[in-house]
Protein backbone atom coordinates (compact mmCIF):
# COMPACT_ATOMS: atom_id res chain seq x y z
CA MET A 1 169.63 70.84 109.83
CA PRO A 2 170.62 70.03 106.13
CA ILE A 3 170.59 66.62 105.21
CA PHE A 4 173.47 65.09 103.06
CA THR A 5 173.05 62.03 100.74
CA SER A 6 175.88 59.99 99.23
CA ALA A 7 175.72 59.51 95.49
CA SER A 8 174.13 56.38 94.52
CA PRO A 9 176.47 53.68 93.07
CA PRO A 10 176.79 53.00 89.45
CA LYS A 11 174.00 50.69 88.05
CA SER A 12 174.39 48.23 85.30
CA TYR A 13 171.74 47.92 82.39
CA GLU A 14 171.48 46.18 78.96
CA LEU A 15 170.18 46.97 75.77
CA ARG A 16 169.17 43.92 73.66
CA LEU A 17 168.26 44.02 69.92
CA GLN A 18 167.27 40.51 68.90
CA ALA A 19 166.52 41.68 65.29
CA ILE A 20 168.09 44.52 63.47
CA ASN A 21 165.43 44.77 60.81
CA GLY A 22 163.91 48.40 61.24
CA GLY A 23 165.65 49.68 58.15
CA ALA A 24 166.60 53.35 57.41
CA SER A 25 164.93 56.51 58.64
CA TYR A 26 165.89 59.88 57.94
CA LYS A 27 162.60 61.46 59.28
CA TYR A 28 163.86 62.26 62.88
CA ASP A 29 167.10 63.01 64.52
CA PRO A 30 169.33 59.91 65.18
CA THR A 31 168.53 60.04 68.80
CA GLN A 32 164.76 59.67 68.21
CA LEU A 33 164.67 56.52 65.99
CA ARG A 34 163.23 53.14 67.13
CA ASP A 35 166.01 51.03 68.39
CA THR A 36 166.22 48.71 65.43
CA GLN A 37 166.39 51.64 62.69
CA SER A 38 169.40 53.14 61.12
CA PRO A 39 170.07 56.81 60.47
CA TYR A 40 172.70 55.52 57.93
CA MET A 41 172.79 52.35 55.95
CA LEU A 42 173.87 51.09 52.56
CA ASN A 43 173.29 47.89 50.47
CA MET A 44 171.77 45.98 53.30
CA VAL A 45 168.47 44.11 53.16
CA ALA A 46 166.59 41.94 55.79
CA ASP A 47 164.96 38.80 54.93
CA ASP A 48 161.45 37.74 55.97
CA GLN A 49 162.60 36.65 59.39
CA GLY A 50 164.61 39.80 59.91
CA THR A 51 168.27 38.85 59.30
CA LEU A 52 170.17 41.89 58.17
CA SER A 53 172.79 41.11 55.51
CA LYS A 54 174.36 42.54 52.20
CA ARG A 55 172.14 42.44 49.07
CA ASP A 56 172.89 40.29 46.22
CA GLY A 57 175.66 41.27 43.79
CA GLN A 58 175.34 42.30 40.27
CA GLY A 59 176.90 41.08 36.94
CA TYR A 60 176.44 41.62 33.27
CA VAL A 61 174.44 39.00 31.53
CA TYR A 62 176.67 39.13 28.60
CA ALA A 63 180.03 40.56 28.38
CA SER A 64 179.70 43.31 25.66
CA SER A 65 177.36 46.18 25.61
CA LEU A 66 175.20 46.94 22.58
CA GLY A 67 176.45 50.35 22.79
CA ALA A 68 175.77 53.80 24.44
CA GLY A 69 172.44 54.84 25.58
CA GLY A 70 170.11 52.95 27.94
CA VAL A 71 167.59 50.09 27.48
CA ASN A 72 164.36 51.51 26.38
CA GLY A 73 162.14 48.85 27.85
CA ALA A 74 161.83 45.16 28.73
CA TYR A 75 159.11 42.66 29.00
CA GLY A 76 158.80 41.96 32.80
CA ARG A 77 158.89 38.08 32.42
CA LEU A 78 160.54 35.53 30.15
CA PHE A 79 158.68 35.29 26.89
CA GLY A 80 159.47 32.09 24.89
CA GLY A 81 162.25 31.34 27.35
CA ASN A 82 163.89 34.55 26.34
CA LYS A 83 164.62 38.00 27.81
CA ILE A 84 162.97 40.58 25.55
CA PHE A 85 164.14 44.19 25.42
CA ALA A 86 164.25 47.21 23.34
CA TRP A 87 167.52 49.26 22.87
CA GLY A 88 168.41 51.73 20.22
CA ALA A 89 166.10 51.21 17.24
CA ALA A 90 165.66 47.49 17.69
CA ILE A 91 163.88 44.93 19.79
CA TYR A 92 166.22 42.13 21.07
CA ARG A 93 165.90 38.56 22.54
CA GLN A 94 168.43 37.03 24.89
CA SER A 95 168.43 33.34 25.77
CA GLY A 96 170.63 32.69 28.99
CA SER A 97 173.97 34.53 28.74
CA SER A 98 174.24 34.40 24.97
CA ALA A 99 174.62 37.63 22.82
CA PRO A 100 171.32 39.34 22.28
CA VAL A 101 169.81 38.83 18.76
CA ALA A 102 167.52 41.46 17.14
CA LEU A 103 163.90 40.68 16.28
CA ILE A 104 163.28 43.96 14.47
CA SER A 105 164.96 47.10 13.73
CA GLY A 106 164.16 50.61 12.14
CA LEU A 107 162.11 51.44 15.22
CA ALA A 108 162.11 54.84 17.18
CA ASN A 109 164.70 55.03 19.80
CA SER A 110 162.59 56.07 22.59
CA LYS A 111 161.30 54.69 25.82
CA GLY A 112 158.66 51.98 25.64
CA SER A 113 156.68 49.35 27.32
CA PHE A 114 155.78 45.62 26.62
CA PHE A 115 152.68 43.71 27.44
CA ALA A 116 151.66 40.00 26.98
CA PHE A 117 148.30 39.49 25.69
CA ASN A 118 146.60 36.20 24.24
CA GLY A 119 149.96 34.33 23.79
CA LYS A 120 151.58 37.37 22.00
CA LEU A 121 153.93 40.24 23.19
CA TYR A 122 153.07 43.79 22.26
CA TYR A 123 155.48 46.85 22.50
CA LEU A 124 154.46 50.56 22.32
CA ASN A 125 157.10 53.33 22.25
CA GLY A 126 155.07 56.48 21.26
CA THR A 127 155.86 55.82 17.48
CA ASP A 128 155.67 52.09 16.87
CA TYR A 129 153.25 49.54 17.84
CA ILE A 130 154.97 46.03 17.49
CA VAL A 131 153.50 42.53 18.09
CA ILE A 132 155.86 39.51 18.71
CA ASP A 133 154.36 36.06 18.26
CA SER A 134 155.20 32.72 19.88
CA SER A 135 157.79 32.11 17.07
CA LEU A 136 159.59 35.36 18.16
CA THR A 137 158.59 37.07 14.80
CA ALA A 138 158.06 40.63 15.15
CA SER A 139 156.17 43.08 13.02
CA GLN A 140 154.18 46.23 13.04
CA VAL A 141 150.57 45.63 14.29
CA THR A 142 149.38 47.88 11.56
CA ALA A 143 150.47 45.25 9.01
CA ALA A 144 147.73 43.10 9.97
CA ALA A 145 145.24 45.20 11.79
CA TYR A 146 141.56 44.08 11.97
CA VAL A 147 139.24 45.36 9.23
CA PRO A 148 135.87 46.38 10.74
CA THR A 149 132.66 45.97 8.81
CA LEU A 150 131.18 49.43 9.27
CA THR A 151 127.72 48.52 7.91
CA MET A 152 125.52 45.33 7.46
CA SER A 153 122.48 44.46 5.30
CA ASN A 154 122.93 47.49 3.01
CA ALA A 155 120.76 48.05 0.01
CA PRO A 156 123.06 48.76 -3.04
CA THR A 157 122.26 52.40 -2.45
CA GLY A 158 123.65 52.12 1.13
CA GLY A 159 121.67 52.87 4.24
CA GLY A 160 122.51 49.71 6.17
CA THR A 161 122.63 49.03 9.81
CA PRO A 162 125.67 50.12 11.72
CA PHE A 163 127.77 47.19 12.69
CA GLU A 164 131.28 48.27 13.85
CA GLN A 165 133.42 51.41 14.40
CA PHE A 166 136.16 52.59 12.17
CA ASN A 167 139.59 50.98 13.20
CA LEU A 168 142.11 53.78 14.12
CA LEU A 169 144.96 51.66 13.09
CA THR A 170 144.12 51.23 9.45
CA PRO A 171 142.31 53.09 6.79
CA ALA A 172 140.64 49.84 5.80
CA PHE A 173 136.80 49.18 6.32
CA LYS A 174 134.22 46.80 4.98
CA ALA A 175 130.56 47.22 3.99
CA SER A 176 128.10 44.39 3.47
CA TYR A 177 125.16 44.28 0.93
CA SER A 178 122.22 42.32 0.28
CA ALA A 179 122.18 42.35 -3.74
CA ASN A 180 118.88 42.72 -5.38
CA GLY A 181 120.08 40.98 -8.67
CA THR A 182 119.55 44.00 -10.88
CA ALA A 183 121.62 46.85 -9.20
CA THR A 184 125.23 47.34 -10.47
CA ALA A 185 125.99 50.52 -8.54
CA TYR A 186 126.86 50.16 -4.73
CA THR A 187 127.23 53.15 -2.44
CA LEU A 188 129.85 52.76 0.35
CA PRO A 189 129.39 54.54 3.75
CA LEU A 190 132.36 56.78 3.10
CA THR A 191 133.50 59.01 0.28
CA GLY A 192 136.97 60.33 -0.84
CA LEU A 193 138.75 57.10 -0.79
CA ASP A 194 142.46 56.40 -0.87
CA ALA A 195 144.17 55.06 -4.08
CA THR A 196 144.66 51.72 -2.70
CA ALA A 197 142.93 49.04 -4.62
CA VAL A 198 139.37 48.28 -3.61
CA THR A 199 138.49 44.51 -3.26
CA ALA A 200 135.10 42.83 -3.20
CA THR A 201 133.61 39.32 -2.73
CA VAL A 202 130.33 38.45 -4.47
CA ASN A 203 128.81 35.07 -3.05
CA GLY A 204 132.20 34.52 -1.59
CA VAL A 205 133.97 34.77 -4.89
CA ALA A 206 136.76 37.36 -5.11
CA LYS A 207 136.37 40.36 -7.49
CA VAL A 208 139.00 42.41 -8.88
CA GLU A 209 138.87 46.16 -9.55
CA THR A 210 139.20 47.50 -13.18
CA THR A 211 138.18 43.91 -14.12
CA ASP A 212 135.05 43.13 -12.34
CA PHE A 213 134.04 46.64 -11.17
CA ALA A 214 135.00 50.25 -11.41
CA VAL A 215 135.33 52.75 -8.42
CA ASN A 216 134.60 56.40 -8.19
CA ARG A 217 136.75 57.42 -5.17
CA THR A 218 135.16 60.95 -5.03
CA THR A 219 131.56 59.61 -4.38
CA GLY A 220 132.40 56.27 -3.02
CA VAL A 221 130.27 54.40 -5.51
CA VAL A 222 131.49 50.92 -6.76
CA THR A 223 129.93 49.77 -10.03
CA PHE A 224 130.09 46.11 -11.07
CA THR A 225 130.29 45.09 -14.76
CA ALA A 226 127.52 42.51 -13.86
CA ALA A 227 124.71 42.87 -11.41
CA PRO A 228 125.40 40.56 -8.37
CA SER A 229 122.81 37.81 -7.78
CA SER A 230 120.05 38.36 -5.00
CA GLY A 231 121.14 37.37 -1.50
CA THR A 232 121.53 38.50 2.03
CA ASN A 233 124.81 40.22 2.83
CA ASN A 234 126.35 38.51 -0.17
CA VAL A 235 128.38 41.38 -1.45
CA VAL A 236 131.12 42.60 0.74
CA ILE A 237 133.32 45.29 -0.28
CA THR A 238 136.75 46.50 1.29
CA ALA A 239 137.85 50.02 0.65
CA TYR A 240 140.37 52.45 2.36
CA LYS A 241 140.14 55.83 3.70
CA THR A 242 142.77 57.65 5.43
CA ILE A 243 141.73 60.00 8.21
CA SER A 244 144.45 62.36 9.07
CA GLY A 245 145.81 61.63 12.67
CA ASN A 246 143.92 58.41 13.37
CA ILE A 247 146.80 56.07 13.60
CA ASN A 248 148.82 58.32 15.60
CA ARG A 249 146.32 58.39 18.16
CA ILE A 250 147.10 54.98 19.12
CA LYS A 251 150.83 54.74 18.09
CA ASN A 252 151.77 57.82 19.98
CA CYS A 253 150.72 56.10 23.22
CA ARG A 254 153.51 54.62 25.54
CA TYR A 255 151.68 52.70 28.08
CA ILE A 256 149.42 49.47 27.85
CA ILE A 257 147.54 47.42 30.48
CA ASP A 258 144.77 44.84 29.95
CA PHE A 259 141.33 45.26 31.58
CA GLY A 260 137.86 44.04 31.46
CA GLY A 261 136.38 43.78 34.89
CA ASP A 262 136.42 40.38 36.21
CA ASN A 263 138.27 39.14 32.89
CA ASP A 264 140.96 41.05 31.17
CA THR A 265 139.51 41.29 27.58
CA ARG A 266 140.77 44.57 26.23
CA LEU A 267 143.73 46.50 26.11
CA PHE A 268 143.82 50.14 27.53
CA LEU A 269 146.57 52.65 26.01
CA TRP A 270 147.51 55.94 27.29
CA GLY A 271 150.47 58.41 27.28
CA ASN A 272 149.76 60.12 23.96
CA PRO A 273 150.89 63.77 24.58
CA ASN A 274 148.40 65.07 22.12
CA TYR A 275 145.59 63.45 24.22
CA PRO A 276 147.07 63.60 27.92
CA ASN A 277 143.85 62.61 29.58
CA ARG A 278 142.52 60.24 27.10
CA VAL A 279 142.71 56.36 27.67
CA PHE A 280 142.13 54.34 24.49
CA ARG A 281 140.81 50.82 24.56
CA SER A 282 140.85 47.83 22.21
CA GLY A 283 138.13 45.77 20.73
CA LEU A 284 137.20 42.60 22.61
CA LEU A 285 140.21 40.28 22.68
CA ASP A 286 141.87 42.18 19.68
CA PRO A 287 144.91 44.24 20.14
CA THR A 288 144.70 45.11 16.49
CA TYR A 289 141.28 46.75 16.80
CA PHE A 290 140.83 50.08 18.32
CA PRO A 291 137.36 51.66 17.67
CA GLU A 292 137.43 55.32 17.05
CA ASN A 293 134.88 56.02 19.74
CA GLU A 294 136.29 53.63 22.34
CA TYR A 295 137.94 55.87 24.75
CA SER A 296 137.66 57.69 28.02
CA ASP A 297 138.65 61.14 28.78
CA VAL A 298 139.62 61.13 32.36
CA GLY A 299 138.98 64.60 33.81
CA SER A 300 140.62 67.64 32.30
CA SER A 301 143.30 67.60 29.62
CA ALA A 302 145.29 69.99 31.86
CA GLU A 303 146.16 67.20 33.93
CA ALA A 304 147.57 63.99 32.26
CA VAL A 305 146.78 60.41 32.89
CA VAL A 306 150.17 59.09 34.19
CA ALA A 307 149.65 55.49 35.06
CA CYS A 308 146.81 52.79 35.33
CA ALA A 309 146.77 49.82 37.79
CA LYS A 310 144.23 47.06 38.44
CA HIS A 311 142.72 46.92 41.80
CA TYR A 312 140.47 43.67 41.84
CA ASP A 313 137.55 44.38 39.40
CA LYS A 314 138.59 48.11 39.01
CA LEU A 315 140.94 49.93 36.82
CA VAL A 316 142.62 52.76 38.61
CA TYR A 317 143.61 55.97 36.61
CA LEU A 318 146.42 57.86 38.27
CA LYS A 319 146.61 61.40 37.21
CA GLU A 320 149.21 64.02 38.04
CA ARG A 321 147.14 65.54 40.86
CA SER A 322 144.13 63.27 41.20
CA ILE A 323 143.09 59.62 41.06
CA ALA A 324 139.98 58.01 39.61
CA PHE A 325 138.79 54.39 38.58
CA THR A 326 136.47 52.73 36.25
CA ILE A 327 134.56 49.39 36.22
CA TYR A 328 133.18 47.12 33.38
CA GLN A 329 129.55 47.42 32.88
CA ASN A 330 127.66 45.18 30.29
CA PRO A 331 125.13 45.31 28.72
CA VAL A 332 124.56 48.86 28.18
CA THR A 333 123.19 51.18 25.43
CA GLN A 334 126.13 52.61 23.29
CA GLY A 335 125.08 56.16 22.39
CA PHE A 336 127.22 56.14 19.35
CA TRP A 337 125.16 53.33 17.64
CA GLY A 338 121.79 54.10 18.99
CA ALA A 339 119.37 52.40 21.37
CA ASP A 340 119.56 48.89 19.44
CA GLN A 341 123.26 48.65 19.72
CA ILE A 342 124.42 46.80 23.09
CA GLY A 343 128.06 46.75 24.32
CA ALA A 344 130.42 47.52 27.17
CA SER A 345 130.54 50.82 29.18
CA PHE A 346 133.50 51.93 31.59
CA PRO A 347 131.95 54.77 33.78
CA LEU A 348 134.28 57.01 35.58
CA TYR A 349 134.53 57.34 39.34
CA TRP A 350 136.73 59.69 41.29
CA ILE A 351 138.74 58.53 44.25
CA ASN A 352 140.86 61.29 45.62
CA GLY A 353 141.64 65.07 44.40
CA ALA A 354 144.49 65.67 46.92
CA VAL A 355 147.32 63.69 45.50
CA GLY A 356 148.43 62.19 42.26
CA CYS A 357 151.12 60.29 40.37
CA ASP A 358 153.85 61.82 38.17
CA MET A 359 156.22 58.57 38.43
CA PRO A 360 154.84 56.21 36.02
CA GLY A 361 157.35 53.59 36.64
CA SER A 362 156.72 53.64 40.44
CA VAL A 363 153.40 51.81 40.15
CA GLN A 364 153.02 48.37 41.48
CA VAL A 365 150.33 46.37 43.19
CA ILE A 366 151.51 45.29 46.58
CA ASP A 367 149.54 43.01 48.90
CA ASN A 368 146.60 43.78 46.52
CA ASN A 369 146.85 47.67 46.97
CA VAL A 370 148.07 49.97 44.30
CA VAL A 371 151.53 51.77 45.24
CA PHE A 372 152.64 54.83 43.50
CA GLY A 373 155.00 57.85 43.72
CA ASN A 374 154.69 61.59 43.54
CA SER A 375 158.09 63.61 43.02
CA GLU A 376 157.00 66.19 45.60
CA LEU A 377 155.40 64.14 48.32
CA GLY A 378 156.87 60.72 48.10
CA LEU A 379 155.53 57.19 47.84
CA PHE A 380 151.73 56.15 48.54
CA VAL A 381 149.47 53.33 48.90
CA ILE A 382 145.86 53.32 47.86
CA VAL A 383 144.06 51.38 50.74
CA GLN A 384 140.51 51.42 49.17
CA VAL A 385 138.87 52.67 45.96
CA SER A 386 135.08 52.57 47.03
CA ILE A 387 134.42 56.24 47.87
CA ARG A 388 135.93 59.67 47.21
CA ASP A 389 137.87 60.36 50.34
CA GLU A 390 141.31 61.75 50.97
CA ARG A 391 142.08 59.28 53.59
CA ASN A 392 142.03 56.27 51.00
CA VAL A 393 145.43 57.19 50.00
CA ARG A 394 148.03 56.82 52.61
CA PRO A 395 151.87 57.80 52.68
CA ILE A 396 154.52 55.09 53.07
CA SER A 397 157.81 56.67 52.40
CA GLY A 398 158.28 59.08 55.36
CA ASN A 399 161.14 57.27 56.67
CA ILE A 400 163.22 57.63 53.56
CA ASN A 401 161.88 61.00 52.02
CA GLY A 402 164.62 62.83 53.63
CA ALA A 403 164.69 65.85 56.05
CA SER A 404 166.87 68.91 56.59
CA GLY A 405 170.47 67.76 56.76
CA ARG A 406 169.33 64.04 56.11
CA PRO A 407 168.94 63.71 52.53
CA GLY A 408 166.78 61.12 51.11
CA LEU A 409 164.34 59.98 48.10
CA LEU A 410 163.00 63.44 47.58
CA ASP A 411 166.36 64.80 47.21
CA LEU A 412 167.27 63.05 44.09
CA GLY A 413 165.63 65.58 41.83
CA LYS A 414 162.44 65.74 39.83
CA THR A 415 163.82 64.49 36.61
CA ALA A 416 165.32 61.37 38.24
CA LEU A 417 162.14 60.78 40.20
CA THR A 418 159.77 60.95 37.19
CA ALA A 419 161.95 58.53 35.58
CA ALA A 420 162.23 56.06 38.25
CA THR A 421 161.50 52.38 37.92
CA SER A 422 160.30 49.68 40.29
CA VAL A 423 159.66 45.95 40.86
CA ASP A 424 157.85 43.64 42.99
CA ASP A 425 160.00 40.38 43.74
CA GLY A 426 157.46 38.91 45.65
CA SER A 427 158.56 40.17 49.17
CA ASN A 428 160.03 43.47 48.43
CA TYR A 429 159.25 46.47 46.50
CA TRP A 430 162.13 48.04 44.82
CA ILE A 431 162.17 51.76 43.45
CA CYS A 432 165.21 52.84 41.45
CA VAL A 433 165.89 56.56 41.10
CA GLY A 434 169.02 57.26 38.96
CA ASN A 435 171.58 55.00 40.23
CA GLN A 436 170.03 54.48 43.67
CA ALA A 437 167.29 52.34 44.96
CA TYR A 438 165.13 51.88 48.02
CA VAL A 439 163.58 48.35 49.08
CA TRP A 440 160.63 48.03 51.13
CA ASN A 441 160.39 44.59 52.71
CA TYR A 442 156.63 44.32 52.72
CA LYS A 443 156.52 41.01 54.16
CA LEU A 444 158.64 41.88 57.04
CA SER A 445 156.92 45.15 57.67
CA PRO A 446 153.39 45.15 55.87
CA PHE A 447 151.40 48.22 55.78
CA ALA A 448 148.80 48.26 58.43
CA ASN A 449 145.98 50.83 58.04
CA THR A 450 145.41 51.43 61.67
CA GLY A 451 144.24 55.02 61.28
CA ASN A 452 147.34 56.43 62.77
CA THR A 453 148.94 57.68 59.53
CA ALA A 454 152.31 58.57 61.19
CA ALA A 455 152.73 55.34 63.04
CA ASP A 456 151.68 53.13 60.22
CA GLU A 457 154.43 55.00 58.04
CA GLU A 458 157.03 54.77 60.46
CA ALA A 459 156.70 51.01 60.83
CA LEU A 460 157.87 50.29 57.36
CA ALA A 461 161.22 49.04 56.90
CA TRP A 462 163.16 50.67 53.93
CA PHE A 463 166.60 49.62 52.79
CA PRO A 464 168.73 52.18 50.69
CA GLN A 465 170.84 50.79 47.85
CA THR A 466 173.49 52.11 45.74
CA ASN A 467 175.10 51.43 42.43
CA ILE A 468 171.77 50.25 40.77
CA ASN A 469 170.91 51.54 37.56
CA ALA A 470 167.75 50.22 36.48
CA ALA A 471 165.99 51.47 33.38
CA CYS A 472 163.46 48.60 33.39
CA TRP A 473 163.06 45.00 35.10
CA ILE A 474 162.72 41.40 34.19
CA GLN A 475 161.96 38.51 36.50
CA ASP A 476 162.67 34.80 36.05
CA ASN A 477 161.32 33.09 39.15
CA ARG A 478 163.72 34.17 41.82
CA THR A 479 166.21 35.75 39.59
CA ILE A 480 165.91 39.46 38.93
CA TYR A 481 167.42 41.34 35.95
CA TYR A 482 167.43 45.02 34.87
CA GLY A 483 168.16 46.87 31.74
CA ASP A 484 170.82 49.55 32.17
CA ARG A 485 170.11 53.11 32.16
CA THR A 486 173.20 54.12 30.22
CA LEU A 487 174.39 51.20 28.32
CA GLY A 488 172.76 48.66 25.95
CA ARG A 489 172.94 45.64 28.18
CA LEU A 490 171.15 43.59 30.83
CA VAL A 491 172.44 43.13 34.39
CA MET A 492 171.59 40.20 36.62
CA PHE A 493 171.44 39.94 40.43
CA SER A 494 173.07 36.71 42.06
CA THR A 495 174.27 35.54 45.49
CA VAL A 496 177.75 36.30 44.40
CA LEU A 497 178.80 39.10 46.89
CA SER A 498 180.23 41.60 44.42
CA ASP A 499 179.10 44.23 42.05
CA PHE A 500 180.64 43.62 38.63
CA SER A 501 183.76 41.89 40.35
CA GLY A 502 184.13 45.03 42.73
CA ALA A 503 182.98 45.38 46.34
CA ILE A 504 179.61 46.12 47.63
CA ASN A 505 179.98 48.70 50.28
CA GLY A 506 177.82 47.42 53.26
CA VAL A 507 177.10 49.72 56.08
CA TRP A 508 174.84 49.67 59.07
CA ARG A 509 174.86 52.44 61.61
CA SER A 510 172.82 52.32 64.96
CA LYS A 511 170.66 55.31 66.21
CA LEU A 512 172.53 57.37 68.56
CA PHE A 513 171.46 55.70 71.78
CA ASN A 514 171.10 57.62 75.07
CA PHE A 515 169.46 54.38 76.47
CA GLY A 516 166.57 56.33 77.87
CA MET A 517 168.83 58.29 80.20
CA PRO A 518 169.74 61.50 78.49
CA ASP A 519 170.61 62.92 81.82
CA TRP A 520 173.21 60.38 83.02
CA TYR A 521 176.81 59.61 81.79
CA LYS A 522 177.18 56.04 80.58
CA THR A 523 180.16 53.81 80.17
CA VAL A 524 180.11 50.92 77.62
CA SER A 525 182.99 48.58 78.26
CA TYR A 526 182.08 45.84 76.09
CA LEU A 527 179.12 44.41 73.78
CA TRP A 528 178.35 41.49 71.76
CA PHE A 529 177.04 40.88 68.33
CA THR A 530 176.01 37.90 66.18
CA ALA A 531 176.70 37.44 62.86
CA LYS A 532 175.28 34.88 60.39
CA ALA A 533 177.49 31.78 59.59
CA GLY A 534 179.06 31.12 56.28
CA GLY A 535 181.91 32.62 54.42
CA PHE A 536 184.93 34.81 55.35
CA SER A 537 184.40 38.34 56.32
CA PHE A 538 186.06 41.17 58.13
CA PHE A 539 183.71 43.77 59.83
CA THR A 540 184.99 47.20 60.28
CA ILE A 541 183.48 48.63 63.63
CA LYS A 542 183.34 52.15 64.52
CA TYR A 543 182.32 53.49 68.01
CA ILE A 544 180.86 57.05 68.11
CA SER A 545 179.89 59.30 70.91
CA GLU A 546 177.99 62.59 71.10
CA ASN A 547 180.83 64.64 69.59
CA GLY A 548 180.58 63.15 66.28
CA GLN A 549 183.94 61.67 66.34
CA THR A 550 185.08 58.13 65.88
CA LEU A 551 186.63 57.07 69.23
CA ASP A 552 187.85 53.50 68.05
CA GLN A 553 187.92 51.48 65.05
CA GLU A 554 188.52 47.65 64.81
CA SER A 555 188.36 44.82 62.12
CA VAL A 556 186.80 41.67 63.31
CA ASN A 557 187.09 38.33 61.38
CA VAL A 558 183.75 36.74 61.67
CA SER A 559 184.56 33.88 59.53
CA SER A 560 183.65 30.37 60.67
CA PHE A 561 186.36 28.54 58.33
CA ARG A 562 189.25 29.48 56.26
CA TRP A 563 191.57 26.81 54.63
CA ASP A 564 194.57 29.12 54.97
CA GLN A 565 194.04 29.15 58.87
CA ALA A 566 193.04 25.51 59.32
CA THR A 567 195.09 23.13 61.31
CA TRP A 568 194.85 19.55 61.52
CA ALA A 569 195.66 19.35 65.20
CA ASN A 570 192.26 21.02 65.68
CA TRP A 571 190.43 19.60 62.55
CA SER A 572 186.79 18.61 62.90
CA TRP A 573 184.36 17.84 60.22
CA ALA A 574 181.45 19.60 62.19
CA VAL A 575 180.02 22.84 60.75
CA ASN A 576 179.42 25.76 62.99
CA GLN A 577 176.11 26.84 61.54
CA TYR A 578 175.42 29.19 64.43
CA PRO A 579 178.65 31.02 65.52
CA PRO A 580 178.89 32.32 69.08
CA PRO A 581 178.47 35.88 69.72
CA VAL A 582 181.53 38.01 69.13
CA ARG A 583 182.50 40.18 72.15
CA MET A 584 183.90 43.59 71.73
CA LYS A 585 185.46 46.12 74.08
CA PRO A 586 184.44 49.70 72.92
CA LYS A 587 185.82 51.21 76.11
CA GLN A 588 183.56 54.30 76.01
CA ARG A 589 183.73 55.95 79.35
CA LYS A 590 181.38 58.64 80.76
CA VAL A 591 179.43 59.20 77.15
CA GLU A 592 175.97 60.73 76.97
CA TYR A 593 175.33 59.10 73.55
CA PHE A 594 176.68 55.72 72.01
CA GLN A 595 176.62 54.79 68.54
CA ILE A 596 178.04 51.81 66.74
CA GLU A 597 178.65 51.29 62.95
CA PHE A 598 179.39 47.96 61.05
CA SER A 599 180.69 48.10 57.69
CA ASN A 600 182.38 45.95 54.94
CA ASN A 601 183.60 47.27 51.83
CA THR A 602 185.40 44.10 50.34
CA ALA A 603 184.34 42.08 47.23
CA ASN A 604 182.95 38.59 48.03
CA GLN A 605 182.51 39.20 51.68
CA ASN A 606 179.27 39.58 53.48
CA LEU A 607 178.07 41.81 56.19
CA THR A 608 175.47 40.04 58.38
CA LEU A 609 173.86 40.99 61.79
CA LEU A 610 171.42 38.80 63.71
CA SER A 611 171.53 40.42 67.18
CA LEU A 612 173.33 42.98 69.26
CA VAL A 613 173.73 43.20 73.15
CA ILE A 614 174.95 46.53 74.74
CA PRO A 615 175.52 46.33 78.57
CA TYR A 616 176.06 49.92 79.89
CA VAL A 617 176.57 51.41 83.30
CA ALA A 618 174.92 54.64 84.50
CA VAL A 619 177.81 56.38 86.04
CA LYS A 620 176.67 59.74 87.10
CA LYS A 621 174.32 62.67 86.50
CA VAL A 622 175.19 65.08 83.90
CA LYS A 623 175.76 68.66 85.42
């Protein structure tokens, strides 16, 4: 005979989230996320302990803008106690919140980059190469470029020992002669000289053209009126020869980094559209000297070098579709000068040929590993540079790249992505694309190279931000500034919970919970959440079920104190640093899925979440 069983009584369960710090994830359906991840959140960040709250607010450093058009670049730290940035056709300094003051004008109005080296600041924008000294005096580097001595120990007829290479930044060059006491004609190593006056010293005494000597600029012969006395390298002649295009090899570059192996002794420049795969390097400890043959062509010119980054004693070259690196080697034979000339060498080694970088502003060194972006594939980290292997580059932005119906980073458009900027604040990697940003808290969720690529990527906590429009970044200890993309002004982050006196829209939405029981109807009668103490805030709370509609909406005051609500009858000087959990009554009956959203869109109010406890009852099986 058939056996009839009665239905099991409802059973009670509980979901406890002690930290809501998983960040956003658009990778999977909202039902498939980790419990602490969110399918939709805005303007929230987690500290290193996992406390979720609104990000810092923003305000202008100075009330007035310099005008329309974004900031072209900024030095990433303070220099001489000032914020240094380029806007329009000028470079400015800004002390505190005072008005910006121009240091130099008449420059090209184009994007550029700053770099500090040996106590001076350098700026390169594709047209101008500027130096700013410690007194904040700015000038063109070419005005005081190093003048190399091409040959030493020349006889008057020439033929001396090659000594230094021609400097791409100046037409000036020197030649040093050992006079024989009788010769008056001295042959320079170059012909076809410029009209610029030639100068000379004989035994340290300055000589003047047309008075002490004559110059045949066609043949490059200098004839003294009286023969210099005998000596060793006692005659030094300085002449000028402009070689078309030389200076623009350097000035047309846009990016700078220092490198020299264990010691950063040279500047490396790249970004010249006429030499897309070429990286130029300066002389030893001299940014005013770029020897004409000191460069590296990194692979084919069909693929540009987009960025460079240091990884321990290596310099990583990030091309559009591949990655290589160089190291410093010394001493070596320099083939340009012959077997007797000893100098530095920077050999090339390839790392990866499967992925590259076309987002130069995305590059940072995070936890000693290079992070970079690709506008088609997302963000990556280089985990090692020892050998060529596709596994040495790992993806890190899968949670925020976006998916069908769930737009993310890669849906912001190639133009905006290739113009992205980034900053490392010591705990977070920020990448700003257009007027949006994504923040990876790498202290809370460091990248772990376990070999499981998908799991390593999914474990990273990313936090989406809006209303951030950073063209470049400046850091002053814990304070972060950025140059606006559309106006000539700097913006500062602060603990004031407003953006330019307006609201910061903070939102956190949970995953769509089925509580691991997709085949059961559940009832959620009540829940608790804990908010961080401090300040007065209203939370708007929505409850959402599987039909996608908001079933209830409540505003909850999570303030620990307000003067306008205080009464002396209940007065206490005690401070409630740890407020008790707030109990809510969702009254969601017989739902398959349950989702909760917290939001606050009011100026000067925070949205914080420490924990969430959701009791639920499994009512009956879904038929």
